[in-house]
């Protein structure tokens, strides 16, 4: 099998939230005969549309989108599953002469797809269930503080409310005696399964934060609160990983009377800005990313054309 088939070319559009990655990718996909592979860890969930900024029905009708609406909010899905499914999609698109555009802000999903994932030791259901029970009794922060003691580097990259990743990191440490970062360093993410052009979107940070604030307001105006109420009415627990994500957990706190509306909006916007900062930190660590502003459409098209035409 020739290298051209083994390593197809893909275009990656990444960067923090609220920069218009979807609209830009649709424009580019129409120009370069492409289809979009979503790389967003929240858009995989059904019924969670407004709060995840999922492509609208109109946007999906303009360009085919893949890797969205895959599972229900109470189902498990991780970066390894994403990488396997997205890889198959990309190979099919490439075989059909379609340019794959990988688009999203979940850095781990993109890294897992392009480089593969390290093998993080064995898994033990009994250990995991014990940690899950501790999280239910004492709260996620109890386990997060333990993780900070055992593996401060991993704790720095995980949100204190992300109980799934906290528990997985603690499980690996307990079973192997090593932090998850040790396995990541051994793996090194050295494999390249594709020839990828990585385009990162960025703008002035103050402008970005202003766009985030306006996006939150627009989500509320579009019915985000009703979306969260409907999920609760459907029986999805507020302690699910999906429901603990930004926006959903904030509105659940309001619905359940744990927070005022003004405080809900303040913390939602603040936490979204913090999330964007973490996204930027992740992507800035990748030296392969070429950074452009969303408005530099002509320049981005030139980069893609040159990349696709090169031998």
C-alpha atoms as a PDB file:
ATOM      1  CA  UNK A   1       0.000   0.000   0.000  1.00  0.00           C
ATOM      2  CA  UNK A   2       1.499   3.354  -0.968  1.00  0.00           C
ATOM      3  CA  UNK A   3       2.162   6.094   1.555  1.00  0.00           C
ATOM      4  CA  UNK A   4      -0.372   8.366  -0.130  1.00  0.00           C
ATOM      5  CA  UNK A   5      -3.153   5.948   0.808  1.00  0.00           C
ATOM      6  CA  UNK A   6      -1.791   5.103   4.255  1.00  0.00           C
ATOM      7  CA  UNK A   7      -1.532   8.766   5.221  1.00  0.00           C
ATOM      8  CA  UNK A   8      -4.253  10.826   3.574  1.00  0.00           C
ATOM      9  CA  UNK A   9      -4.257  14.591   3.772  1.00  0.00           C
ATOM     10  CA  UNK A  10      -6.630  16.235   6.226  1.00  0.00           C
ATOM     11  CA  UNK A  11      -7.342  19.833   7.182  1.00  0.00           C
ATOM     12  CA  UNK A  12      -7.717  20.616  10.885  1.00  0.00           C
ATOM     13  CA  UNK A  13      -9.538  23.772  11.982  1.00  0.00           C
ATOM     14  CA  UNK A  14      -9.102  24.229  15.724  1.00  0.00           C
ATOM     15  CA  UNK A  15      -9.024  26.890  18.426  1.00  0.00           C
ATOM     16  CA  UNK A  16     -11.065  28.189  21.348  1.00  0.00           C
ATOM     17  CA  UNK A  17     -14.824  28.450  21.517  1.00  0.00           C
ATOM     18  CA  UNK A  18     -16.828  31.291  19.929  1.00  0.00           C
ATOM     19  CA  UNK A  19     -14.473  31.961  17.011  1.00  0.00           C
ATOM     20  CA  UNK A  20     -16.727  30.718  14.218  1.00  0.00           C
ATOM     21  CA  UNK A  21     -14.906  27.465  13.412  1.00  0.00           C
ATOM     22  CA  UNK A  22     -18.078  25.853  12.044  1.00  0.00           C
ATOM     23  CA  UNK A  23     -19.026  28.641   9.660  1.00  0.00           C
ATOM     24  CA  UNK A  24     -15.449  28.955   8.394  1.00  0.00           C
ATOM     25  CA  UNK A  25     -15.173  25.191   7.893  1.00  0.00           C
ATOM     26  CA  UNK A  26     -18.432  25.098   5.943  1.00  0.00           C
ATOM     27  CA  UNK A  27     -17.134  27.822   3.644  1.00  0.00           C
ATOM     28  CA  UNK A  28     -13.839  26.007   3.127  1.00  0.00           C
ATOM     29  CA  UNK A  29     -15.460  22.606   2.673  1.00  0.00           C
ATOM     30  CA  UNK A  30     -17.647  23.935  -0.111  1.00  0.00           C
ATOM     31  CA  UNK A  31     -14.566  25.404  -1.793  1.00  0.00           C
ATOM     32  CA  UNK A  32     -12.407  22.280  -1.537  1.00  0.00           C
ATOM     33  CA  UNK A  33     -14.985  19.492  -1.932  1.00  0.00           C
ATOM     34  CA  UNK A  34     -14.867  18.637   1.731  1.00  0.00           C
ATOM     35  CA  UNK A  35     -16.958  17.183   4.523  1.00  0.00           C
ATOM     36  CA  UNK A  36     -16.638  17.944   8.220  1.00  0.00           C
ATOM     37  CA  UNK A  37     -15.512  15.597  10.977  1.00  0.00           C
ATOM     38  CA  UNK A  38     -16.614  17.184  14.257  1.00  0.00           C
ATOM     39  CA  UNK A  39     -13.992  17.157  17.026  1.00  0.00           C
ATOM     40  CA  UNK A  40     -16.097  18.349  19.930  1.00  0.00           C
ATOM     41  CA  UNK A  41     -16.567  16.228  23.045  1.00  0.00           C
ATOM     42  CA  UNK A  42     -20.031  17.712  23.711  1.00  0.00           C
ATOM     43  CA  UNK A  43     -21.537  17.692  20.225  1.00  0.00           C
ATOM     44  CA  UNK A  44     -21.436  13.886  20.302  1.00  0.00           C
ATOM     45  CA  UNK A  45     -24.508  13.962  22.596  1.00  0.00           C
ATOM     46  CA  UNK A  46     -28.048  13.873  21.282  1.00  0.00           C
ATOM     47  CA  UNK A  47     -30.555  16.449  22.607  1.00  0.00           C
ATOM     48  CA  UNK A  48     -27.727  18.800  23.637  1.00  0.00           C
ATOM     49  CA  UNK A  49     -27.807  21.276  20.775  1.00  0.00           C
ATOM     50  CA  UNK A  50     -27.919  24.884  21.924  1.00  0.00           C
ATOM     51  CA  UNK A  51     -25.437  24.633  24.778  1.00  0.00           C
ATOM     52  CA  UNK A  52     -22.895  22.814  22.599  1.00  0.00           C
ATOM     53  CA  UNK A  53     -23.227  25.229  19.650  1.00  0.00           C
ATOM     54  CA  UNK A  54     -23.969  22.213  17.470  1.00  0.00           C
ATOM     55  CA  UNK A  55     -24.203  22.900  13.724  1.00  0.00           C
ATOM     56  CA  UNK A  56     -27.777  23.836  12.853  1.00  0.00           C
ATOM     57  CA  UNK A  57     -29.974  21.851  10.493  1.00  0.00           C
ATOM     58  CA  UNK A  58     -29.304  24.469   7.805  1.00  0.00           C
ATOM     59  CA  UNK A  59     -25.537  24.260   8.328  1.00  0.00           C
ATOM     60  CA  UNK A  60     -25.628  20.468   8.143  1.00  0.00           C
ATOM     61  CA  UNK A  61     -27.639  20.656   4.923  1.00  0.00           C
ATOM     62  CA  UNK A  62     -24.955  22.806   3.303  1.00  0.00           C
ATOM     63  CA  UNK A  63     -22.054  20.455   4.108  1.00  0.00           C
ATOM     64  CA  UNK A  64     -22.167  16.902   5.469  1.00  0.00           C
ATOM     65  CA  UNK A  65     -21.127  16.676   9.144  1.00  0.00           C
ATOM     66  CA  UNK A  66     -19.902  13.535  10.900  1.00  0.00           C
ATOM     67  CA  UNK A  67     -19.221  12.634  14.555  1.00  0.00           C
ATOM     68  CA  UNK A  68     -22.156  14.532  16.031  1.00  0.00           C
ATOM     69  CA  UNK A  69     -25.313  13.148  17.689  1.00  0.00           C
ATOM     70  CA  UNK A  70     -23.613   9.809  18.332  1.00  0.00           C
ATOM     71  CA  UNK A  71     -24.839   8.865  21.817  1.00  0.00           C
ATOM     72  CA  UNK A  72     -27.386   9.741  24.502  1.00  0.00           C
ATOM     73  CA  UNK A  73     -26.275  11.986  27.399  1.00  0.00           C
ATOM     74  CA  UNK A  74     -25.990   9.035  29.816  1.00  0.00           C
ATOM     75  CA  UNK A  75     -23.773   6.907  27.563  1.00  0.00           C
ATOM     76  CA  UNK A  76     -20.000   6.599  27.778  1.00  0.00           C
ATOM     77  CA  UNK A  77     -17.708   7.873  25.032  1.00  0.00           C
ATOM     78  CA  UNK A  78     -14.024   8.732  25.158  1.00  0.00           C
ATOM     79  CA  UNK A  79     -11.141   9.963  23.026  1.00  0.00           C
ATOM     80  CA  UNK A  80     -10.113   6.458  22.000  1.00  0.00           C
ATOM     81  CA  UNK A  81     -13.578   5.688  20.631  1.00  0.00           C
ATOM     82  CA  UNK A  82     -13.629   9.044  18.883  1.00  0.00           C
ATOM     83  CA  UNK A  83     -10.249   8.400  17.257  1.00  0.00           C
ATOM     84  CA  UNK A  84     -11.301   4.980  15.966  1.00  0.00           C
ATOM     85  CA  UNK A  85     -14.637   6.143  14.553  1.00  0.00           C
ATOM     86  CA  UNK A  86     -13.266   9.355  13.066  1.00  0.00           C
ATOM     87  CA  UNK A  87     -10.369   7.476  11.459  1.00  0.00           C
ATOM     88  CA  UNK A  88     -12.785   5.169   9.662  1.00  0.00           C
ATOM     89  CA  UNK A  89     -14.848   8.144   8.473  1.00  0.00           C
ATOM     90  CA  UNK A  90     -11.767   9.936   7.185  1.00  0.00           C
ATOM     91  CA  UNK A  91     -10.520   6.892   5.278  1.00  0.00           C
ATOM     92  CA  UNK A  92     -13.920   6.497   3.587  1.00  0.00           C
ATOM     93  CA  UNK A  93     -14.038  10.176   2.635  1.00  0.00           C
ATOM     94  CA  UNK A  94     -10.510  10.094   1.318  1.00  0.00           C
ATOM     95  CA  UNK A  95     -11.203   6.956  -0.734  1.00  0.00           C
ATOM     96  CA  UNK A  96     -14.170   8.798  -2.272  1.00  0.00           C
ATOM     97  CA  UNK A  97     -12.111  11.817  -3.239  1.00  0.00           C
ATOM     98  CA  UNK A  98     -13.560  14.025  -0.486  1.00  0.00           C
ATOM     99  CA  UNK A  99     -11.329  16.330   1.563  1.00  0.00           C
ATOM    100  CA  UNK A 100     -11.741  15.649   5.306  1.00  0.00           C
ATOM    101  CA  UNK A 101     -11.999  18.765   7.479  1.00  0.00           C
ATOM    102  CA  UNK A 102     -11.529  17.983  11.186  1.00  0.00           C
ATOM    103  CA  UNK A 103     -13.172  20.843  13.065  1.00  0.00           C
ATOM    104  CA  UNK A 104     -13.480  21.496  16.781  1.00  0.00           C
ATOM    105  CA  UNK A 105     -12.051  22.666  20.046  1.00  0.00           C
ATOM    106  CA  UNK A 106     -11.447  19.405  21.925  1.00  0.00           C
ATOM    107  CA  UNK A 107      -7.692  19.149  21.766  1.00  0.00           C
ATOM    108  CA  UNK A 108      -7.471  15.616  23.136  1.00  0.00           C
ATOM    109  CA  UNK A 109      -9.847  14.320  20.460  1.00  0.00           C
ATOM    110  CA  UNK A 110      -7.718  15.877  17.727  1.00  0.00           C
ATOM    111  CA  UNK A 111      -4.472  14.608  19.239  1.00  0.00           C
ATOM    112  CA  UNK A 112      -5.896  11.102  19.669  1.00  0.00           C
ATOM    113  CA  UNK A 113      -7.072  11.081  16.050  1.00  0.00           C
ATOM    114  CA  UNK A 114      -3.815  12.301  14.525  1.00  0.00           C
ATOM    115  CA  UNK A 115      -1.304  10.547  16.780  1.00  0.00           C
ATOM    116  CA  UNK A 116      -3.171   7.695  18.440  1.00  0.00           C
ATOM    117  CA  UNK A 117      -3.480   7.238  22.203  1.00  0.00           C
ATOM    118  CA  UNK A 118      -1.082   5.774  24.740  1.00  0.00           C
ATOM    119  CA  UNK A 119      -1.993   2.536  26.492  1.00  0.00           C
ATOM    120  CA  UNK A 120      -2.698   3.613  30.058  1.00  0.00           C
ATOM    121  CA  UNK A 121      -2.291   0.291  31.795  1.00  0.00           C
ATOM    122  CA  UNK A 122      -5.036  -2.133  32.680  1.00  0.00           C
ATOM    123  CA  UNK A 123      -8.485  -1.256  33.956  1.00  0.00           C
ATOM    124  CA  UNK A 124     -10.238  -2.564  37.062  1.00  0.00           C
ATOM    125  CA  UNK A 125     -13.999  -2.197  37.405  1.00  0.00           C
ATOM    126  CA  UNK A 126     -13.877  -2.719  41.188  1.00  0.00           C
ATOM    127  CA  UNK A 127     -11.398   0.131  41.667  1.00  0.00           C
ATOM    128  CA  UNK A 128     -13.410   2.392  39.389  1.00  0.00           C
ATOM    129  CA  UNK A 129     -16.696   1.628  41.130  1.00  0.00           C
ATOM    130  CA  UNK A 130     -15.114   2.340  44.518  1.00  0.00           C
ATOM    131  CA  UNK A 131     -13.844   5.703  43.270  1.00  0.00           C
ATOM    132  CA  UNK A 132     -17.235   6.490  41.730  1.00  0.00           C
ATOM    133  CA  UNK A 133     -18.910   5.734  45.064  1.00  0.00           C
ATOM    134  CA  UNK A 134     -16.478   8.055  46.847  1.00  0.00           C
ATOM    135  CA  UNK A 135     -17.301  10.764  44.318  1.00  0.00           C
ATOM    136  CA  UNK A 136     -21.021  10.315  45.019  1.00  0.00           C
ATOM    137  CA  UNK A 137     -20.524  10.462  48.791  1.00  0.00           C
ATOM    138  CA  UNK A 138     -17.835  13.110  49.137  1.00  0.00           C
ATOM    139  CA  UNK A 139     -18.056  14.968  45.826  1.00  0.00           C
ATOM    140  CA  UNK A 140     -15.714  15.304  42.846  1.00  0.00           C
ATOM    141  CA  UNK A 141     -13.506  17.828  44.646  1.00  0.00           C
ATOM    142  CA  UNK A 142     -12.579  15.193  47.248  1.00  0.00           C
ATOM    143  CA  UNK A 143     -11.054  13.035  44.494  1.00  0.00           C
ATOM    144  CA  UNK A 144      -9.650  16.054  42.676  1.00  0.00           C
ATOM    145  CA  UNK A 145      -7.607  17.030  45.739  1.00  0.00           C
ATOM    146  CA  UNK A 146      -6.273  13.475  45.903  1.00  0.00           C
ATOM    147  CA  UNK A 147      -5.282  13.704  42.248  1.00  0.00           C
ATOM    148  CA  UNK A 148      -3.482  16.982  42.914  1.00  0.00           C
ATOM    149  CA  UNK A 149      -1.337  15.188  45.477  1.00  0.00           C
ATOM    150  CA  UNK A 150      -0.546  12.172  43.282  1.00  0.00           C
ATOM    151  CA  UNK A 151      -0.338  13.816  39.853  1.00  0.00           C
ATOM    152  CA  UNK A 152      -0.407  17.630  39.969  1.00  0.00           C
ATOM    153  CA  UNK A 153       0.408  17.931  36.243  1.00  0.00           C
ATOM    154  CA  UNK A 154      -2.703  15.974  35.245  1.00  0.00           C
ATOM    155  CA  UNK A 155      -4.818  17.790  37.831  1.00  0.00           C
ATOM    156  CA  UNK A 156      -3.768  21.083  36.268  1.00  0.00           C
ATOM    157  CA  UNK A 157      -5.277  20.000  32.934  1.00  0.00           C
ATOM    158  CA  UNK A 158      -8.529  18.564  34.316  1.00  0.00           C
ATOM    159  CA  UNK A 159     -11.472  20.633  35.478  1.00  0.00           C
ATOM    160  CA  UNK A 160     -12.312  19.948  39.178  1.00  0.00           C
ATOM    161  CA  UNK A 161     -15.836  18.908  38.125  1.00  0.00           C
ATOM    162  CA  UNK A 162     -14.693  16.433  35.461  1.00  0.00           C
ATOM    163  CA  UNK A 163     -15.230  13.371  37.639  1.00  0.00           C
ATOM    164  CA  UNK A 164     -14.797  10.903  34.755  1.00  0.00           C
ATOM    165  CA  UNK A 165     -11.235  11.976  33.938  1.00  0.00           C
ATOM    166  CA  UNK A 166     -10.352  12.420  37.613  1.00  0.00           C
ATOM    167  CA  UNK A 167     -11.476   8.882  38.396  1.00  0.00           C
ATOM    168  CA  UNK A 168      -9.654   7.445  35.362  1.00  0.00           C
ATOM    169  CA  UNK A 169      -6.395   9.162  36.362  1.00  0.00           C
ATOM    170  CA  UNK A 170      -6.704   7.927  39.958  1.00  0.00           C
ATOM    171  CA  UNK A 171      -7.558   4.417  38.738  1.00  0.00           C
ATOM    172  CA  UNK A 172      -4.403   4.295  36.625  1.00  0.00           C
ATOM    173  CA  UNK A 173      -2.283   5.565  39.516  1.00  0.00           C
ATOM    174  CA  UNK A 174      -3.732   3.026  41.929  1.00  0.00           C
ATOM    175  CA  UNK A 175      -3.274   0.082  39.548  1.00  0.00           C
ATOM    176  CA  UNK A 176       0.197   0.949  38.241  1.00  0.00           C
ATOM    177  CA  UNK A 177       1.756   3.167  40.879  1.00  0.00           C
ATOM    178  CA  UNK A 178       2.508   5.697  38.139  1.00  0.00           C
ATOM    179  CA  UNK A 179       0.727   8.923  37.178  1.00  0.00           C
ATOM    180  CA  UNK A 180      -1.077   9.041  33.855  1.00  0.00           C
ATOM    181  CA  UNK A 181       1.446  11.654  32.688  1.00  0.00           C
ATOM    182  CA  UNK A 182       4.162   8.974  32.798  1.00  0.00           C
ATOM    183  CA  UNK A 183       2.295   6.925  30.178  1.00  0.00           C
ATOM    184  CA  UNK A 184       1.722  10.034  28.083  1.00  0.00           C
ATOM    185  CA  UNK A 185       5.418  10.875  28.154  1.00  0.00           C
ATOM    186  CA  UNK A 186       6.383   7.305  27.208  1.00  0.00           C
ATOM    187  CA  UNK A 187       3.966   7.372  24.281  1.00  0.00           C
ATOM    188  CA  UNK A 188       5.077  10.812  23.149  1.00  0.00           C
ATOM    189  CA  UNK A 189       2.262  11.029  20.572  1.00  0.00           C
ATOM    190  CA  UNK A 190       4.946  10.467  17.921  1.00  0.00           C
ATOM    191  CA  UNK A 191       2.873   8.573  15.372  1.00  0.00           C
ATOM    192  CA  UNK A 192       1.313  10.557  12.556  1.00  0.00           C
ATOM    193  CA  UNK A 193      -1.600   8.764  10.919  1.00  0.00           C
ATOM    194  CA  UNK A 194      -2.244  11.582   8.459  1.00  0.00           C
ATOM    195  CA  UNK A 195      -0.562  14.395   6.619  1.00  0.00           C
ATOM    196  CA  UNK A 196      -2.323  17.228   8.393  1.00  0.00           C
ATOM    197  CA  UNK A 197      -2.523  20.951   7.863  1.00  0.00           C
ATOM    198  CA  UNK A 198      -3.432  22.364  11.264  1.00  0.00           C
ATOM    199  CA  UNK A 199      -4.967  25.827  11.220  1.00  0.00           C
ATOM    200  CA  UNK A 200      -5.608  27.428  14.592  1.00  0.00           C
ATOM    201  CA  UNK A 201      -7.978  30.370  14.877  1.00  0.00           C
ATOM    202  CA  UNK A 202      -7.199  33.211  17.247  1.00  0.00           C
ATOM    203  CA  UNK A 203      -8.049  36.848  17.901  1.00  0.00           C
ATOM    204  CA  UNK A 204      -7.215  39.424  20.527  1.00  0.00           C
ATOM    205  CA  UNK A 205      -8.103  37.947  23.914  1.00  0.00           C
ATOM    206  CA  UNK A 206     -10.369  40.833  24.936  1.00  0.00           C
ATOM    207  CA  UNK A 207     -12.266  40.533  21.660  1.00  0.00           C
ATOM    208  CA  UNK A 208     -12.559  36.783  22.214  1.00  0.00           C
ATOM    209  CA  UNK A 209     -13.954  37.272  25.713  1.00  0.00           C
ATOM    210  CA  UNK A 210     -16.472  39.783  24.397  1.00  0.00           C
ATOM    211  CA  UNK A 211     -17.587  37.284  21.741  1.00  0.00           C
ATOM    212  CA  UNK A 212     -17.959  34.617  24.407  1.00  0.00           C
ATOM    213  CA  UNK A 213     -20.177  36.882  26.504  1.00  0.00           C
ATOM    214  CA  UNK A 214     -22.378  37.624  23.495  1.00  0.00           C
ATOM    215  CA  UNK A 215     -22.535  33.941  22.552  1.00  0.00           C
ATOM    216  CA  UNK A 216     -23.791  33.024  26.021  1.00  0.00           C
ATOM    217  CA  UNK A 217     -26.508  35.683  25.725  1.00  0.00           C
ATOM    218  CA  UNK A 218     -27.452  34.346  22.279  1.00  0.00           C
ATOM    219  CA  UNK A 219     -27.682  30.778  23.611  1.00  0.00           C
ATOM    220  CA  UNK A 220     -30.043  31.910  26.357  1.00  0.00           C
ATOM    221  CA  UNK A 221     -32.161  33.798  23.819  1.00  0.00           C
ATOM    222  CA  UNK A 222     -32.283  30.653  21.658  1.00  0.00           C
ATOM    223  CA  UNK A 223     -33.814  28.561  24.444  1.00  0.00           C
ATOM    224  CA  UNK A 224     -30.830  27.054  26.266  1.00  0.00           C
ATOM    225  CA  UNK A 225     -32.677  27.082  29.601  1.00  0.00           C
ATOM    226  CA  UNK A 226     -35.601  25.149  28.100  1.00  0.00           C
ATOM    227  CA  UNK A 227     -33.142  22.652  26.610  1.00  0.00           C
ATOM    228  CA  UNK A 228     -31.692  21.910  30.064  1.00  0.00           C
ATOM    229  CA  UNK A 229     -35.156  21.645  31.619  1.00  0.00           C
ATOM    230  CA  UNK A 230     -36.149  19.177  28.909  1.00  0.00           C
ATOM    231  CA  UNK A 231     -33.078  17.024  29.572  1.00  0.00           C
ATOM    232  CA  UNK A 232     -33.955  16.860  33.272  1.00  0.00           C
ATOM    233  CA  UNK A 233     -37.569  15.997  32.413  1.00  0.00           C
ATOM    234  CA  UNK A 234     -36.273  13.185  30.183  1.00  0.00           C
ATOM    235  CA  UNK A 235     -34.652  11.695  33.272  1.00  0.00           C
ATOM    236  CA  UNK A 236     -31.019  12.619  32.696  1.00  0.00           C
ATOM    237  CA  UNK A 237     -29.355  13.112  36.082  1.00  0.00           C
ATOM    238  CA  UNK A 238     -27.503  16.323  36.805  1.00  0.00           C
ATOM    239  CA  UNK A 239     -24.461  14.328  37.971  1.00  0.00           C
ATOM    240  CA  UNK A 240     -23.840  12.800  34.532  1.00  0.00           C
ATOM    241  CA  UNK A 241     -20.567  13.753  32.856  1.00  0.00           C
ATOM    242  CA  UNK A 242     -22.512  15.412  30.046  1.00  0.00           C
ATOM    243  CA  UNK A 243     -24.683  17.417  32.453  1.00  0.00           C
ATOM    244  CA  UNK A 244     -21.641  18.571  34.424  1.00  0.00           C
ATOM    245  CA  UNK A 245     -20.251  20.411  31.411  1.00  0.00           C
ATOM    246  CA  UNK A 246     -20.080  24.174  31.055  1.00  0.00           C
ATOM    247  CA  UNK A 247     -23.490  25.764  30.704  1.00  0.00           C
ATOM    248  CA  UNK A 248     -25.508  22.693  31.599  1.00  0.00           C
ATOM    249  CA  UNK A 249     -24.313  22.502  35.200  1.00  0.00           C
ATOM    250  CA  UNK A 250     -24.777  26.259  35.590  1.00  0.00           C
ATOM    251  CA  UNK A 251     -28.370  26.183  34.404  1.00  0.00           C
ATOM    252  CA  UNK A 252     -29.133  23.087  36.478  1.00  0.00           C
ATOM    253  CA  UNK A 253     -27.992  25.027  39.563  1.00  0.00           C
ATOM    254  CA  UNK A 254     -30.411  27.815  38.633  1.00  0.00           C
ATOM    255  CA  UNK A 255     -33.296  25.437  37.916  1.00  0.00           C
ATOM    256  CA  UNK A 256     -32.793  23.699  41.265  1.00  0.00           C
ATOM    257  CA  UNK A 257     -32.663  27.000  43.140  1.00  0.00           C
ATOM    258  CA  UNK A 258     -29.017  26.769  44.095  1.00  0.00           C
ATOM    259  CA  UNK A 259     -28.051  29.964  42.306  1.00  0.00           C
ATOM    260  CA  UNK A 260     -29.694  33.250  41.293  1.00  0.00           C
ATOM    261  CA  UNK A 261     -30.086  34.146  37.628  1.00  0.00           C
ATOM    262  CA  UNK A 262     -27.556  36.971  37.784  1.00  0.00           C
ATOM    263  CA  UNK A 263     -25.002  34.729  39.489  1.00  0.00           C
ATOM    264  CA  UNK A 264     -25.719  31.953  36.989  1.00  0.00           C
ATOM    265  CA  UNK A 265     -24.994  34.221  34.047  1.00  0.00           C
ATOM    266  CA  UNK A 266     -21.901  35.688  35.693  1.00  0.00           C
ATOM    267  CA  UNK A 267     -20.322  32.313  36.466  1.00  0.00           C
ATOM    268  CA  UNK A 268     -21.360  30.805  33.124  1.00  0.00           C
ATOM    269  CA  UNK A 269     -19.617  33.559  31.193  1.00  0.00           C
ATOM    270  CA  UNK A 270     -16.605  33.470  33.520  1.00  0.00           C
ATOM    271  CA  UNK A 271     -16.201  29.697  33.254  1.00  0.00           C
ATOM    272  CA  UNK A 272     -16.606  29.782  29.470  1.00  0.00           C
ATOM    273  CA  UNK A 273     -13.841  32.384  29.261  1.00  0.00           C
ATOM    274  CA  UNK A 274     -11.638  30.204  31.460  1.00  0.00           C
ATOM    275  CA  UNK A 275     -12.373  27.215  29.256  1.00  0.00           C
ATOM    276  CA  UNK A 276     -11.337  29.195  26.165  1.00  0.00           C
ATOM    277  CA  UNK A 277      -8.090  30.088  27.925  1.00  0.00           C
ATOM    278  CA  UNK A 278      -7.410  26.401  28.633  1.00  0.00           C
ATOM    279  CA  UNK A 279      -8.145  25.565  24.997  1.00  0.00           C
ATOM    280  CA  UNK A 280      -5.657  28.173  23.836  1.00  0.00           C
ATOM    281  CA  UNK A 281      -3.020  26.843  26.221  1.00  0.00           C
ATOM    282  CA  UNK A 282      -3.497  23.325  24.843  1.00  0.00           C
ATOM    283  CA  UNK A 283      -3.323  24.321  21.185  1.00  0.00           C
ATOM    284  CA  UNK A 284      -0.450  26.780  21.663  1.00  0.00           C
ATOM    285  CA  UNK A 285       1.654  23.832  22.823  1.00  0.00           C
ATOM    286  CA  UNK A 286       1.416  22.290  19.328  1.00  0.00           C
ATOM    287  CA  UNK A 287       4.195  23.736  17.126  1.00  0.00           C
ATOM    288  CA  UNK A 288       2.568  22.347  13.977  1.00  0.00           C
ATOM    289  CA  UNK A 289      -0.413  24.696  14.189  1.00  0.00           C
ATOM    290  CA  UNK A 290      -0.456  27.660  11.807  1.00  0.00           C
ATOM    291  CA  UNK A 291      -2.318  30.540  13.455  1.00  0.00           C
ATOM    292  CA  UNK A 292      -4.673  32.804  11.550  1.00  0.00           C
ATOM    293  CA  UNK A 293      -7.555  35.121  12.405  1.00  0.00           C
ATOM    294  CA  UNK A 294     -11.062  33.963  11.375  1.00  0.00           C
ATOM    295  CA  UNK A 295     -11.377  36.877   8.969  1.00  0.00           C
ATOM    296  CA  UNK A 296      -8.277  35.897   6.978  1.00  0.00           C
ATOM    297  CA  UNK A 297     -10.320  33.711   4.644  1.00  0.00           C
ATOM    298  CA  UNK A 298      -8.281  34.409   1.514  1.00  0.00           C
ATOM    299  CA  UNK A 299      -5.024  33.564   3.286  1.00  0.00           C
ATOM    300  CA  UNK A 300      -6.488  30.392   4.788  1.00  0.00           C
ATOM    301  CA  UNK A 301      -7.746  29.298   1.370  1.00  0.00           C
ATOM    302  CA  UNK A 302      -4.271  29.902  -0.058  1.00  0.00           C
ATOM    303  CA  UNK A 303      -2.690  27.729   2.642  1.00  0.00           C
ATOM    304  CA  UNK A 304      -5.130  24.896   2.020  1.00  0.00           C
ATOM    305  CA  UNK A 305      -4.769  25.041  -1.764  1.00  0.00           C
ATOM    306  CA  UNK A 306      -0.976  24.917  -1.498  1.00  0.00           C
ATOM    307  CA  UNK A 307      -1.158  22.019   0.965  1.00  0.00           C
ATOM    308  CA  UNK A 308      -3.553  19.950  -1.145  1.00  0.00           C
ATOM    309  CA  UNK A 309      -1.602  20.518  -4.359  1.00  0.00           C
ATOM    310  CA  UNK A 310       1.789  19.637  -2.868  1.00  0.00           C
ATOM    311  CA  UNK A 311       3.191  16.182  -3.526  1.00  0.00           C
END
